[in-house]
PDB file of all heavy atoms in Angstrom:
ATOM      1  N   LEU A   1      -7.699   1.368 -28.608  1.00  0.00           N
ATOM      2  CA  LEU A   1      -7.645   2.777 -28.345  1.00  0.00           C
ATOM      3  C   LEU A   1      -7.621   2.936 -26.787  1.00  0.00           C
ATOM      4  O   LEU A   1      -6.925   3.783 -26.295  1.00  0.00           O
ATOM      5  CB  LEU A   1      -8.832   3.476 -28.942  1.00  0.00           C
ATOM      6  CG  LEU A   1      -8.717   3.653 -30.477  1.00  0.00           C
ATOM      7  CD1 LEU A   1     -10.072   4.125 -30.978  1.00  0.00           C
ATOM      8  CD2 LEU A   1      -7.589   4.644 -30.888  1.00  0.00           C
ATOM      9  N   PHE A   2      -8.622   2.291 -26.214  1.00  0.00           N
ATOM     10  CA  PHE A   2      -8.695   2.469 -24.685  1.00  0.00           C
ATOM     11  C   PHE A   2      -7.364   2.062 -24.031  1.00  0.00           C
ATOM     12  O   PHE A   2      -6.892   2.735 -23.031  1.00  0.00           O
ATOM     13  CB  PHE A   2      -9.849   1.497 -24.239  1.00  0.00           C
ATOM     14  CG  PHE A   2      -9.960   1.398 -22.768  1.00  0.00           C
ATOM     15  CD1 PHE A   2     -10.650   2.357 -21.960  1.00  0.00           C
ATOM     16  CD2 PHE A   2      -9.515   0.256 -22.094  1.00  0.00           C
ATOM     17  CE1 PHE A   2     -10.792   2.229 -20.648  1.00  0.00           C
ATOM     18  CE2 PHE A   2      -9.564   0.134 -20.732  1.00  0.00           C
ATOM     19  CZ  PHE A   2     -10.291   1.108 -20.013  1.00  0.00           C
ATOM     20  N   SER A   3      -6.876   0.875 -24.221  1.00  0.00           N
ATOM     21  CA  SER A   3      -5.635   0.368 -23.617  1.00  0.00           C
ATOM     22  C   SER A   3      -4.495   1.318 -23.974  1.00  0.00           C
ATOM     23  O   SER A   3      -3.695   1.586 -22.974  1.00  0.00           O
ATOM     24  CB  SER A   3      -5.296  -1.032 -24.129  1.00  0.00           C
ATOM     25  OG  SER A   3      -6.375  -1.942 -23.775  1.00  0.00           O
ATOM     26  N   GLY A   4      -4.349   1.774 -25.136  1.00  0.00           N
ATOM     27  CA  GLY A   4      -3.269   2.663 -25.527  1.00  0.00           C
ATOM     28  C   GLY A   4      -3.279   4.017 -24.716  1.00  0.00           C
ATOM     29  O   GLY A   4      -2.220   4.461 -24.150  1.00  0.00           O
ATOM     30  N   ALA A   5      -4.447   4.501 -24.657  1.00  0.00           N
ATOM     31  CA  ALA A   5      -4.603   5.798 -23.904  1.00  0.00           C
ATOM     32  C   ALA A   5      -4.378   5.591 -22.435  1.00  0.00           C
ATOM     33  O   ALA A   5      -3.733   6.444 -21.704  1.00  0.00           O
ATOM     34  CB  ALA A   5      -6.002   6.507 -24.223  1.00  0.00           C
ATOM     35  N   ARG A   6      -4.939   4.497 -21.861  1.00  0.00           N
ATOM     36  CA  ARG A   6      -4.670   4.214 -20.426  1.00  0.00           C
ATOM     37  C   ARG A   6      -3.313   4.150 -20.074  1.00  0.00           C
ATOM     38  O   ARG A   6      -2.761   4.563 -19.105  1.00  0.00           O
ATOM     39  CB  ARG A   6      -5.449   2.962 -20.094  1.00  0.00           C
ATOM     40  CG  ARG A   6      -5.379   2.642 -18.518  1.00  0.00           C
ATOM     41  CD  ARG A   6      -6.081   1.373 -18.232  1.00  0.00           C
ATOM     42  NE  ARG A   6      -5.769   0.999 -16.858  1.00  0.00           N
ATOM     43  CZ  ARG A   6      -5.937  -0.187 -16.340  1.00  0.00           C
ATOM     44  NH1 ARG A   6      -6.467  -1.146 -17.073  1.00  0.00           N
ATOM     45  NH2 ARG A   6      -5.812  -0.505 -15.051  1.00  0.00           N
ATOM     46  N   THR A   7      -2.514   3.355 -20.925  1.00  0.00           N
ATOM     47  CA  THR A   7      -1.064   3.052 -20.711  1.00  0.00           C
ATOM     48  C   THR A   7      -0.289   4.370 -20.722  1.00  0.00           C
ATOM     49  O   THR A   7       0.778   4.606 -19.952  1.00  0.00           O
ATOM     50  CB  THR A   7      -0.472   2.145 -21.799  1.00  0.00           C
ATOM     51  OG1 THR A   7      -1.208   0.917 -21.587  1.00  0.00           O
ATOM     52  CG2 THR A   7       0.952   1.837 -21.482  1.00  0.00           C
ATOM     53  N   LYS A   8      -0.630   5.262 -21.643  1.00  0.00           N
ATOM     54  CA  LYS A   8       0.119   6.507 -21.751  1.00  0.00           C
ATOM     55  C   LYS A   8      -0.197   7.614 -20.794  1.00  0.00           C
ATOM     56  O   LYS A   8       0.591   8.661 -20.733  1.00  0.00           O
ATOM     57  CB  LYS A   8      -0.108   7.085 -23.218  1.00  0.00           C
ATOM     58  CG  LYS A   8       0.338   6.188 -24.354  1.00  0.00           C
ATOM     59  CD  LYS A   8       0.114   6.892 -25.709  1.00  0.00           C
ATOM     60  CE  LYS A   8       0.556   5.927 -26.956  1.00  0.00           C
ATOM     61  NZ  LYS A   8       0.194   6.479 -28.155  1.00  0.00           N
ATOM     62  N   THR A   9      -1.245   7.525 -20.105  1.00  0.00           N
ATOM     63  CA  THR A   9      -1.733   8.551 -19.151  1.00  0.00           C
ATOM     64  C   THR A   9      -1.056   8.354 -17.800  1.00  0.00           C
ATOM     65  O   THR A   9      -1.342   7.376 -17.099  1.00  0.00           O
ATOM     66  CB  THR A   9      -3.188   8.520 -19.048  1.00  0.00           C
ATOM     67  OG1 THR A   9      -3.784   8.728 -20.330  1.00  0.00           O
ATOM     68  CG2 THR A   9      -3.678   9.655 -18.141  1.00  0.00           C
ATOM     69  N   PRO A  10      -0.303   9.382 -17.391  1.00  0.00           N
ATOM     70  CA  PRO A  10       0.462   9.245 -16.083  1.00  0.00           C
ATOM     71  C   PRO A  10      -0.576   9.617 -14.965  1.00  0.00           C
ATOM     72  O   PRO A  10      -1.382  10.537 -15.101  1.00  0.00           O
ATOM     73  CB  PRO A  10       1.498  10.237 -16.156  1.00  0.00           C
ATOM     74  CG  PRO A  10       1.086  11.243 -17.102  1.00  0.00           C
ATOM     75  CD  PRO A  10       0.184  10.624 -18.122  1.00  0.00           C
ATOM     76  N   SER A  11      -0.452   8.889 -13.857  1.00  0.00           N
ATOM     77  CA  SER A  11      -1.230   9.215 -12.579  1.00  0.00           C
ATOM     78  C   SER A  11      -0.191   9.689 -11.594  1.00  0.00           C
ATOM     79  O   SER A  11       1.043   9.448 -11.705  1.00  0.00           O
ATOM     80  CB  SER A  11      -2.006   7.984 -12.163  1.00  0.00           C
ATOM     81  OG  SER A  11      -1.141   6.861 -11.742  1.00  0.00           O
ATOM     82  N   VAL A  12      -0.644  10.297 -10.548  1.00  0.00           N
ATOM     83  CA  VAL A  12       0.131  10.904  -9.658  1.00  0.00           C
ATOM     84  C   VAL A  12      -0.146  10.348  -8.134  1.00  0.00           C
ATOM     85  O   VAL A  12       0.634  10.655  -7.141  1.00  0.00           O
ATOM     86  CB  VAL A  12       0.002  12.449  -9.514  1.00  0.00           C
ATOM     87  CG1 VAL A  12       0.433  13.045 -10.873  1.00  0.00           C
ATOM     88  CG2 VAL A  12      -1.328  12.857  -9.143  1.00  0.00           C
ATOM     89  N   TYR A  13      -1.091   9.583  -7.986  1.00  0.00           N
ATOM     90  CA  TYR A  13      -1.542   9.136  -6.596  1.00  0.00           C
ATOM     91  C   TYR A  13      -0.409   8.370  -5.956  1.00  0.00           C
ATOM     92  O   TYR A  13      -0.335   8.517  -4.615  1.00  0.00           O
ATOM     93  CB  TYR A  13      -2.720   8.323  -6.727  1.00  0.00           C
ATOM     94  CG  TYR A  13      -2.541   6.824  -7.093  1.00  0.00           C
ATOM     95  CD1 TYR A  13      -2.333   5.790  -6.135  1.00  0.00           C
ATOM     96  CD2 TYR A  13      -2.453   6.439  -8.426  1.00  0.00           C
ATOM     97  CE1 TYR A  13      -2.174   4.495  -6.545  1.00  0.00           C
ATOM     98  CE2 TYR A  13      -2.237   5.168  -8.830  1.00  0.00           C
ATOM     99  CZ  TYR A  13      -2.064   4.153  -7.952  1.00  0.00           C
ATOM    100  OH  TYR A  13      -1.858   2.927  -8.302  1.00  0.00           O
ATOM    101  N   GLN A  14       0.463   7.750  -6.548  1.00  0.00           N
ATOM    102  CA  GLN A  14       1.459   6.967  -5.821  1.00  0.00           C
ATOM    103  C   GLN A  14       2.652   7.843  -5.171  1.00  0.00           C
ATOM    104  O   GLN A  14       3.490   7.295  -4.390  1.00  0.00           O
ATOM    105  CB  GLN A  14       2.027   5.932  -6.788  1.00  0.00           C
ATOM    106  CG  GLN A  14       1.192   4.849  -7.095  1.00  0.00           C
ATOM    107  CD  GLN A  14       1.821   3.566  -7.713  1.00  0.00           C
ATOM    108  OE1 GLN A  14       2.547   2.832  -7.056  1.00  0.00           O
ATOM    109  NE2 GLN A  14       1.588   3.355  -8.945  1.00  0.00           N
ATOM    110  N   ARG A  15       2.435   9.092  -5.475  1.00  0.00           N
ATOM    111  CA  ARG A  15       3.408  10.055  -4.710  1.00  0.00           C
ATOM    112  C   ARG A  15       3.096  10.255  -3.363  1.00  0.00           C
ATOM    113  O   ARG A  15       3.870  10.561  -2.455  1.00  0.00           O
ATOM    114  CB  ARG A  15       3.448  11.408  -5.532  1.00  0.00           C
ATOM    115  CG  ARG A  15       3.894  11.352  -6.987  1.00  0.00           C
ATOM    116  CD  ARG A  15       3.900  12.714  -7.647  1.00  0.00           C
ATOM    117  NE  ARG A  15       4.147  12.640  -9.069  1.00  0.00           N
ATOM    118  CZ  ARG A  15       4.027  13.574  -9.886  1.00  0.00           C
ATOM    119  NH1 ARG A  15       3.679  14.836  -9.462  1.00  0.00           N
ATOM    120  NH2 ARG A  15       4.126  13.530 -11.235  1.00  0.00           N
ATOM    121  N   ILE A  16       1.817  10.062  -3.020  1.00  0.00           N
ATOM    122  CA  ILE A  16       1.302  10.286  -1.660  1.00  0.00           C
ATOM    123  C   ILE A  16       0.570   9.009  -1.124  1.00  0.00           C
ATOM    124  O   ILE A  16       0.094   9.158   0.081  1.00  0.00           O
ATOM    125  CB  ILE A  16       0.474  11.487  -1.461  1.00  0.00           C
ATOM    126  CG1 ILE A  16      -0.783  11.437  -2.406  1.00  0.00           C
ATOM    127  CG2 ILE A  16       1.178  12.742  -1.907  1.00  0.00           C
ATOM    128  CD1 ILE A  16      -1.766  12.583  -2.228  1.00  0.00           C
ATOM    129  N   ALA A  17       0.382   8.037  -1.881  1.00  0.00           N
ATOM    130  CA  ALA A  17      -0.592   6.888  -1.444  1.00  0.00           C
ATOM    131  C   ALA A  17       0.211   5.553  -1.841  1.00  0.00           C
ATOM    132  O   ALA A  17       0.917   5.439  -2.779  1.00  0.00           O
ATOM    133  CB  ALA A  17      -1.781   6.941  -2.136  1.00  0.00           C
ATOM    134  N   THR A  18       0.057   4.554  -1.023  1.00  0.00           N
ATOM    135  CA  THR A  18       0.441   3.227  -1.135  1.00  0.00           C
ATOM    136  C   THR A  18      -0.593   2.449  -2.000  1.00  0.00           C
ATOM    137  O   THR A  18      -1.855   2.482  -1.687  1.00  0.00           O
ATOM    138  CB  THR A  18       0.747   2.400   0.136  1.00  0.00           C
ATOM    139  OG1 THR A  18       1.597   3.242   0.981  1.00  0.00           O
ATOM    140  CG2 THR A  18       1.226   1.092  -0.165  1.00  0.00           C
ATOM    141  N   ARG A  19      -0.192   1.743  -3.017  1.00  0.00           N
ATOM    142  CA  ARG A  19      -1.018   0.921  -3.807  1.00  0.00           C
ATOM    143  C   ARG A  19      -0.994  -0.560  -3.324  1.00  0.00           C
ATOM    144  O   ARG A  19       0.065  -1.040  -3.076  1.00  0.00           O
ATOM    145  CB  ARG A  19      -0.791   0.995  -5.266  1.00  0.00           C
ATOM    146  CG  ARG A  19      -1.621   0.158  -6.181  1.00  0.00           C
ATOM    147  CD  ARG A  19      -1.120   0.047  -7.630  1.00  0.00           C
ATOM    148  NE  ARG A  19      -1.815  -0.720  -8.486  1.00  0.00           N
ATOM    149  CZ  ARG A  19      -1.743  -2.127  -8.573  1.00  0.00           C
ATOM    150  NH1 ARG A  19      -0.836  -2.740  -7.803  1.00  0.00           N
ATOM    151  NH2 ARG A  19      -2.550  -2.701  -9.361  1.00  0.00           N
ATOM    152  N   THR A  20      -2.247  -1.045  -3.191  1.00  0.00           N
ATOM    153  CA  THR A  20      -2.270  -2.484  -2.846  1.00  0.00           C
ATOM    154  C   THR A  20      -3.460  -3.098  -3.464  1.00  0.00           C
ATOM    155  O   THR A  20      -4.369  -2.494  -3.861  1.00  0.00           O
ATOM    156  CB  THR A  20      -2.380  -2.714  -1.276  1.00  0.00           C
ATOM    157  OG1 THR A  20      -2.340  -4.132  -0.986  1.00  0.00           O
ATOM    158  CG2 THR A  20      -3.739  -2.112  -0.738  1.00  0.00           C
ATOM    159  N   THR A  21      -3.332  -4.387  -3.714  1.00  0.00           N
ATOM    160  CA  THR A  21      -4.466  -5.101  -4.304  1.00  0.00           C
ATOM    161  C   THR A  21      -5.252  -5.929  -3.326  1.00  0.00           C
ATOM    162  O   THR A  21      -4.624  -6.290  -2.338  1.00  0.00           O
ATOM    163  CB  THR A  21      -3.976  -6.044  -5.489  1.00  0.00           C
ATOM    164  OG1 THR A  21      -3.008  -6.991  -4.946  1.00  0.00           O
ATOM    165  CG2 THR A  21      -3.402  -5.197  -6.607  1.00  0.00           C
ATOM    166  N   ALA A  22      -6.439  -6.191  -3.556  1.00  0.00           N
ATOM    167  CA  ALA A  22      -7.323  -6.994  -2.621  1.00  0.00           C
ATOM    168  C   ALA A  22      -7.978  -8.217  -3.363  1.00  0.00           C
ATOM    169  O   ALA A  22      -8.258  -8.111  -4.574  1.00  0.00           O
ATOM    170  CB  ALA A  22      -8.425  -6.133  -2.015  1.00  0.00           C
ATOM    171  N   SER A  23      -8.223  -9.329  -2.660  1.00  0.00           N
ATOM    172  CA  SER A  23      -8.824 -10.382  -3.181  1.00  0.00           C
ATOM    173  C   SER A  23     -10.283 -10.545  -2.544  1.00  0.00           C
ATOM    174  O   SER A  23     -11.005 -11.589  -2.973  1.00  0.00           O
ATOM    175  CB  SER A  23      -7.975 -11.653  -3.004  1.00  0.00           C
ATOM    176  OG  SER A  23      -7.743 -11.837  -1.568  1.00  0.00           O
ATOM    177  N   THR A  24     -10.564  -9.717  -1.678  1.00  0.00           N
ATOM    178  CA  THR A  24     -11.882  -9.766  -0.996  1.00  0.00           C
ATOM    179  C   THR A  24     -12.558  -8.340  -1.071  1.00  0.00           C
ATOM    180  O   THR A  24     -11.901  -7.298  -1.312  1.00  0.00           O
ATOM    181  CB  THR A  24     -11.791 -10.161   0.369  1.00  0.00           C
ATOM    182  OG1 THR A  24     -11.011  -9.318   1.168  1.00  0.00           O
ATOM    183  CG2 THR A  24     -11.238 -11.657   0.527  1.00  0.00           C
ATOM    184  N   LYS A  25     -13.870  -8.288  -0.759  1.00  0.00           N
ATOM    185  CA  LYS A  25     -14.552  -6.949  -0.810  1.00  0.00           C
ATOM    186  C   LYS A  25     -14.004  -6.086   0.157  1.00  0.00           C
ATOM    187  O   LYS A  25     -13.787  -4.877  -0.096  1.00  0.00           O
ATOM    188  CB  LYS A  25     -16.104  -7.232  -0.572  1.00  0.00           C
ATOM    189  CG  LYS A  25     -16.901  -6.053  -0.560  1.00  0.00           C
ATOM    190  CD  LYS A  25     -18.336  -6.267  -0.458  1.00  0.00           C
ATOM    191  CE  LYS A  25     -19.286  -4.978  -0.566  1.00  0.00           C
ATOM    192  NZ  LYS A  25     -20.649  -5.155  -0.373  1.00  0.00           N
ATOM    193  N   THR A  26     -13.751  -6.529   1.434  1.00  0.00           N
ATOM    194  CA  THR A  26     -13.247  -5.604   2.398  1.00  0.00           C
ATOM    195  C   THR A  26     -11.849  -6.134   2.882  1.00  0.00           C
ATOM    196  O   THR A  26     -11.597  -7.288   3.095  1.00  0.00           O
ATOM    197  CB  THR A  26     -14.195  -5.766   3.679  1.00  0.00           C
ATOM    198  OG1 THR A  26     -15.446  -5.316   3.365  1.00  0.00           O
ATOM    199  CG2 THR A  26     -13.625  -4.895   4.848  1.00  0.00           C
ATOM    200  N   MET A  27     -10.834  -5.139   2.961  1.00  0.00           N
ATOM    201  CA  MET A  27      -9.501  -5.492   3.187  1.00  0.00           C
ATOM    202  C   MET A  27      -9.162  -4.762   4.640  1.00  0.00           C
ATOM    203  O   MET A  27      -9.512  -3.587   4.930  1.00  0.00           O
ATOM    204  CB  MET A  27      -8.617  -4.985   2.133  1.00  0.00           C
ATOM    205  CG  MET A  27      -7.152  -5.512   2.357  1.00  0.00           C
ATOM    206  SD  MET A  27      -6.159  -4.956   0.963  1.00  0.00           S
ATOM    207  CE  MET A  27      -4.623  -5.701   1.300  1.00  0.00           C
ATOM    208  N   SER A  28      -8.527  -5.618   5.394  1.00  0.00           N
ATOM    209  CA  SER A  28      -8.211  -5.171   6.758  1.00  0.00           C
ATOM    210  C   SER A  28      -6.746  -4.636   6.814  1.00  0.00           C
ATOM    211  O   SER A  28      -5.816  -5.335   6.276  1.00  0.00           O
ATOM    212  CB  SER A  28      -8.376  -6.237   7.759  1.00  0.00           C
ATOM    213  OG  SER A  28      -8.043  -5.797   9.133  1.00  0.00           O
ATOM    214  N   PHE A  29      -6.560  -3.454   7.442  1.00  0.00           N
ATOM    215  CA  PHE A  29      -5.222  -2.889   7.536  1.00  0.00           C
ATOM    216  C   PHE A  29      -4.841  -2.893   9.084  1.00  0.00           C
ATOM    217  O   PHE A  29      -5.258  -1.756   9.646  1.00  0.00           O
ATOM    218  CB  PHE A  29      -5.035  -1.546   6.883  1.00  0.00           C
ATOM    219  CG  PHE A  29      -5.138  -1.608   5.356  1.00  0.00           C
ATOM    220  CD1 PHE A  29      -6.418  -1.505   4.833  1.00  0.00           C
ATOM    221  CD2 PHE A  29      -4.015  -1.809   4.651  1.00  0.00           C
ATOM    222  CE1 PHE A  29      -6.471  -1.521   3.399  1.00  0.00           C
ATOM    223  CE2 PHE A  29      -4.058  -1.768   3.213  1.00  0.00           C
ATOM    224  CZ  PHE A  29      -5.362  -1.697   2.626  1.00  0.00           C
ATOM    225  N   PRO A  30      -4.217  -3.809   9.648  1.00  0.00           N
ATOM    226  CA  PRO A  30      -3.725  -3.585  11.040  1.00  0.00           C
ATOM    227  C   PRO A  30      -2.916  -2.395  11.199  1.00  0.00           C
ATOM    228  O   PRO A  30      -2.002  -2.228  10.491  1.00  0.00           O
ATOM    229  CB  PRO A  30      -3.035  -4.843  11.383  1.00  0.00           C
ATOM    230  CG  PRO A  30      -3.531  -5.787  10.346  1.00  0.00           C
ATOM    231  CD  PRO A  30      -3.711  -5.083   9.178  1.00  0.00           C
ATOM    232  N   GLN A  31      -3.118  -1.480  12.187  1.00  0.00           N
ATOM    233  CA  GLN A  31      -2.477  -0.292  12.443  1.00  0.00           C
ATOM    234  C   GLN A  31      -1.826  -0.352  13.853  1.00  0.00           C
ATOM    235  O   GLN A  31      -2.367  -0.834  14.819  1.00  0.00           O
ATOM    236  CB  GLN A  31      -3.300   0.944  12.183  1.00  0.00           C
ATOM    237  CG  GLN A  31      -3.957   1.093  10.890  1.00  0.00           C
ATOM    238  CD  GLN A  31      -2.967   1.755   9.802  1.00  0.00           C
ATOM    239  OE1 GLN A  31      -1.720   1.904  10.066  1.00  0.00           O
ATOM    240  NE2 GLN A  31      -3.527   2.029   8.709  1.00  0.00           N
ATOM    241  N   HIS A  32      -0.711   0.462  13.987  1.00  0.00           N
ATOM    242  CA  HIS A  32      -0.058   0.549  15.194  1.00  0.00           C
ATOM    243  C   HIS A  32       0.157   2.129  15.475  1.00  0.00           C
ATOM    244  O   HIS A  32       0.272   2.833  14.592  1.00  0.00           O
ATOM    245  CB  HIS A  32       1.265  -0.131  15.246  1.00  0.00           C
ATOM    246  CG  HIS A  32       1.157  -1.619  15.535  1.00  0.00           C
ATOM    247  ND1 HIS A  32       1.201  -2.083  16.809  1.00  0.00           N
ATOM    248  CD2 HIS A  32       0.981  -2.646  14.678  1.00  0.00           C
ATOM    249  CE1 HIS A  32       1.020  -3.408  16.775  1.00  0.00           C
ATOM    250  NE2 HIS A  32       0.880  -3.809  15.524  1.00  0.00           N
ATOM    251  N   ALA A  33       0.193   2.391  16.703  1.00  0.00           N
ATOM    252  CA  ALA A  33       0.538   3.793  17.173  1.00  0.00           C
ATOM    253  C   ALA A  33       1.764   3.734  18.052  1.00  0.00           C
ATOM    254  O   ALA A  33       1.996   4.469  18.905  1.00  0.00           O
ATOM    255  CB  ALA A  33      -0.696   4.474  17.983  1.00  0.00           C
ATOM    256  N   ALA A  34       2.717   2.863  17.613  1.00  0.00           N
ATOM    257  CA  ALA A  34       3.871   2.663  18.434  1.00  0.00           C
ATOM    258  C   ALA A  34       4.998   2.232  17.518  1.00  0.00           C
ATOM    259  O   ALA A  34       4.601   1.554  16.509  1.00  0.00           O
ATOM    260  CB  ALA A  34       3.773   1.609  19.609  1.00  0.00           C
ATOM    261  N   THR A  35       6.135   2.417  17.835  1.00  0.00           N
ATOM    262  CA  THR A  35       7.299   1.881  17.052  1.00  0.00           C
ATOM    263  C   THR A  35       7.623   0.513  17.467  1.00  0.00           C
ATOM    264  O   THR A  35       7.747   0.247  18.717  1.00  0.00           O
ATOM    265  CB  THR A  35       8.587   2.801  17.146  1.00  0.00           C
ATOM    266  OG1 THR A  35       8.726   3.075  18.636  1.00  0.00           O
ATOM    267  CG2 THR A  35       8.267   4.136  16.502  1.00  0.00           C
ATOM    268  N   ARG A  36       7.830  -0.480  16.563  1.00  0.00           N
ATOM    269  CA  ARG A  36       8.101  -1.849  16.863  1.00  0.00           C
ATOM    270  C   ARG A  36       9.654  -2.056  16.655  1.00  0.00           C
ATOM    271  O   ARG A  36       9.965  -2.676  15.712  1.00  0.00           O
ATOM    272  CB  ARG A  36       7.266  -2.806  16.108  1.00  0.00           C
ATOM    273  CG  ARG A  36       5.842  -2.640  16.523  1.00  0.00           C
ATOM    274  CD  ARG A  36       4.989  -3.548  15.627  1.00  0.00           C
ATOM    275  NE  ARG A  36       4.964  -2.988  14.296  1.00  0.00           N
ATOM    276  CZ  ARG A  36       4.325  -3.681  13.231  1.00  0.00           C
ATOM    277  NH1 ARG A  36       3.804  -4.868  13.439  1.00  0.00           N
ATOM    278  NH2 ARG A  36       4.273  -3.092  12.017  1.00  0.00           N
ATOM    279  N   LYS A  37      10.515  -1.524  17.524  1.00  0.00           N
ATOM    280  CA  LYS A  37      11.854  -1.644  17.344  1.00  0.00           C
ATOM    281  C   LYS A  37      12.443  -3.043  17.844  1.00  0.00           C
ATOM    282  O   LYS A  37      11.709  -3.728  18.653  1.00  0.00           O
ATOM    283  CB  LYS A  37      12.631  -0.681  18.222  1.00  0.00           C
ATOM    284  CG  LYS A  37      12.249   0.738  17.734  1.00  0.00           C
ATOM    285  CD  LYS A  37      13.027   1.785  18.706  1.00  0.00           C
ATOM    286  CE  LYS A  37      12.766   3.279  18.180  1.00  0.00           C
ATOM    287  NZ  LYS A  37      13.557   4.160  19.023  1.00  0.00           N
ATOM    288  N   LEU A  38      13.485  -3.498  17.193  1.00  0.00           N
ATOM    289  CA  LEU A  38      14.049  -4.677  17.722  1.00  0.00           C
ATOM    290  C   LEU A  38      14.597  -4.441  19.130  1.00  0.00           C
ATOM    291  O   LEU A  38      15.118  -3.423  19.468  1.00  0.00           O
ATOM    292  CB  LEU A  38      15.267  -5.068  16.869  1.00  0.00           C
ATOM    293  CG  LEU A  38      14.939  -6.028  15.658  1.00  0.00           C
ATOM    294  CD1 LEU A  38      14.219  -5.197  14.534  1.00  0.00           C
ATOM    295  CD2 LEU A  38      16.229  -6.497  14.996  1.00  0.00           C
ATOM    296  N   ARG A  39      14.393  -5.470  19.999  1.00  0.00           N
ATOM    297  CA  ARG A  39      14.745  -5.369  21.465  1.00  0.00           C
ATOM    298  C   ARG A  39      15.779  -6.443  21.714  1.00  0.00           C
ATOM    299  O   ARG A  39      15.914  -7.488  21.009  1.00  0.00           O
ATOM    300  CB  ARG A  39      13.594  -5.581  22.320  1.00  0.00           C
ATOM    301  CG  ARG A  39      12.879  -6.956  22.016  1.00  0.00           C
ATOM    302  CD  ARG A  39      11.523  -7.139  22.970  1.00  0.00           C
ATOM    303  NE  ARG A  39      11.854  -7.316  24.320  1.00  0.00           N
ATOM    304  CZ  ARG A  39      12.198  -8.444  25.040  1.00  0.00           C
ATOM    305  NH1 ARG A  39      12.094  -9.588  24.089  1.00  0.00           N
ATOM    306  NH2 ARG A  39      12.408  -8.580  26.193  1.00  0.00           N
ATOM    307  N   ARG A  40      16.545  -6.227  22.673  1.00  0.00           N
ATOM    308  CA  ARG A  40      17.635  -7.108  23.111  1.00  0.00           C
ATOM    309  C   ARG A  40      16.878  -8.430  23.573  1.00  0.00           C
ATOM    310  O   ARG A  40      15.920  -8.356  24.282  1.00  0.00           O
ATOM    311  CB  ARG A  40      18.356  -6.520  24.247  1.00  0.00           C
ATOM    312  CG  ARG A  40      19.310  -5.479  23.811  1.00  0.00           C
ATOM    313  CD  ARG A  40      20.250  -4.896  24.986  1.00  0.00           C
ATOM    314  NE  ARG A  40      21.162  -3.900  24.556  1.00  0.00           N
ATOM    315  CZ  ARG A  40      20.757  -2.650  24.384  1.00  0.00           C
ATOM    316  NH1 ARG A  40      19.584  -2.288  24.664  1.00  0.00           N
ATOM    317  NH2 ARG A  40      21.763  -1.840  23.912  1.00  0.00           N
ATOM    318  N   TRP A  41      17.384  -9.471  23.104  1.00  0.00           N
ATOM    319  CA  TRP A  41      16.586 -10.791  23.452  1.00  0.00           C
ATOM    320  C   TRP A  41      17.128 -11.239  24.765  1.00  0.00           C
ATOM    321  O   TRP A  41      18.339 -11.848  24.848  1.00  0.00           O
ATOM    322  CB  TRP A  41      16.981 -11.791  22.268  1.00  0.00           C
ATOM    323  CG  TRP A  41      16.147 -13.073  22.339  1.00  0.00           C
ATOM    324  CD1 TRP A  41      15.409 -13.584  23.398  1.00  0.00           C
ATOM    325  CD2 TRP A  41      15.738 -13.851  21.262  1.00  0.00           C
ATOM    326  NE1 TRP A  41      14.749 -14.628  23.087  1.00  0.00           N
ATOM    327  CE2 TRP A  41      14.920 -14.887  21.649  1.00  0.00           C
ATOM    328  CE3 TRP A  41      16.147 -13.819  19.928  1.00  0.00           C
ATOM    329  CZ2 TRP A  41      14.442 -15.902  20.885  1.00  0.00           C
ATOM    330  CZ3 TRP A  41      15.685 -14.887  19.105  1.00  0.00           C
ATOM    331  CH2 TRP A  41      14.748 -15.876  19.676  1.00  0.00           C
ATOM    332  N   GLU A  42      16.344 -11.048  25.794  1.00  0.00           N
ATOM    333  CA  GLU A  42      16.710 -11.455  27.111  1.00  0.00           C
ATOM    334  C   GLU A  42      15.553 -12.351  27.591  1.00  0.00           C
ATOM    335  O   GLU A  42      14.379 -11.868  27.760  1.00  0.00           O
ATOM    336  CB  GLU A  42      16.857 -10.189  27.978  1.00  0.00           C
ATOM    337  CG  GLU A  42      17.987  -9.358  27.575  1.00  0.00           C
ATOM    338  CD  GLU A  42      18.144  -8.099  28.335  1.00  0.00           C
ATOM    339  OE1 GLU A  42      17.038  -7.761  29.033  1.00  0.00           O
ATOM    340  OE2 GLU A  42      19.107  -7.399  28.312  1.00  0.00           O
ATOM    341  N   GLY A  43      15.881 -13.612  27.801  1.00  0.00           N
ATOM    342  CA  GLY A  43      14.745 -14.528  28.086  1.00  0.00           C
ATOM    343  C   GLY A  43      13.952 -14.924  26.859  1.00  0.00           C
ATOM    344  O   GLY A  43      14.455 -15.072  25.873  1.00  0.00           O
TER     345      GLY A  43
END
């Protein structure tokens, strides 16, 4: 009963959030405030 109801119930969070799994208690998300564009390879 539990599994059937859980499977049939739609959630909406993935419309505005990214889902990820963790293998540790605390998960680190490195963030940037810059665009990392490909640059011409010179040197």
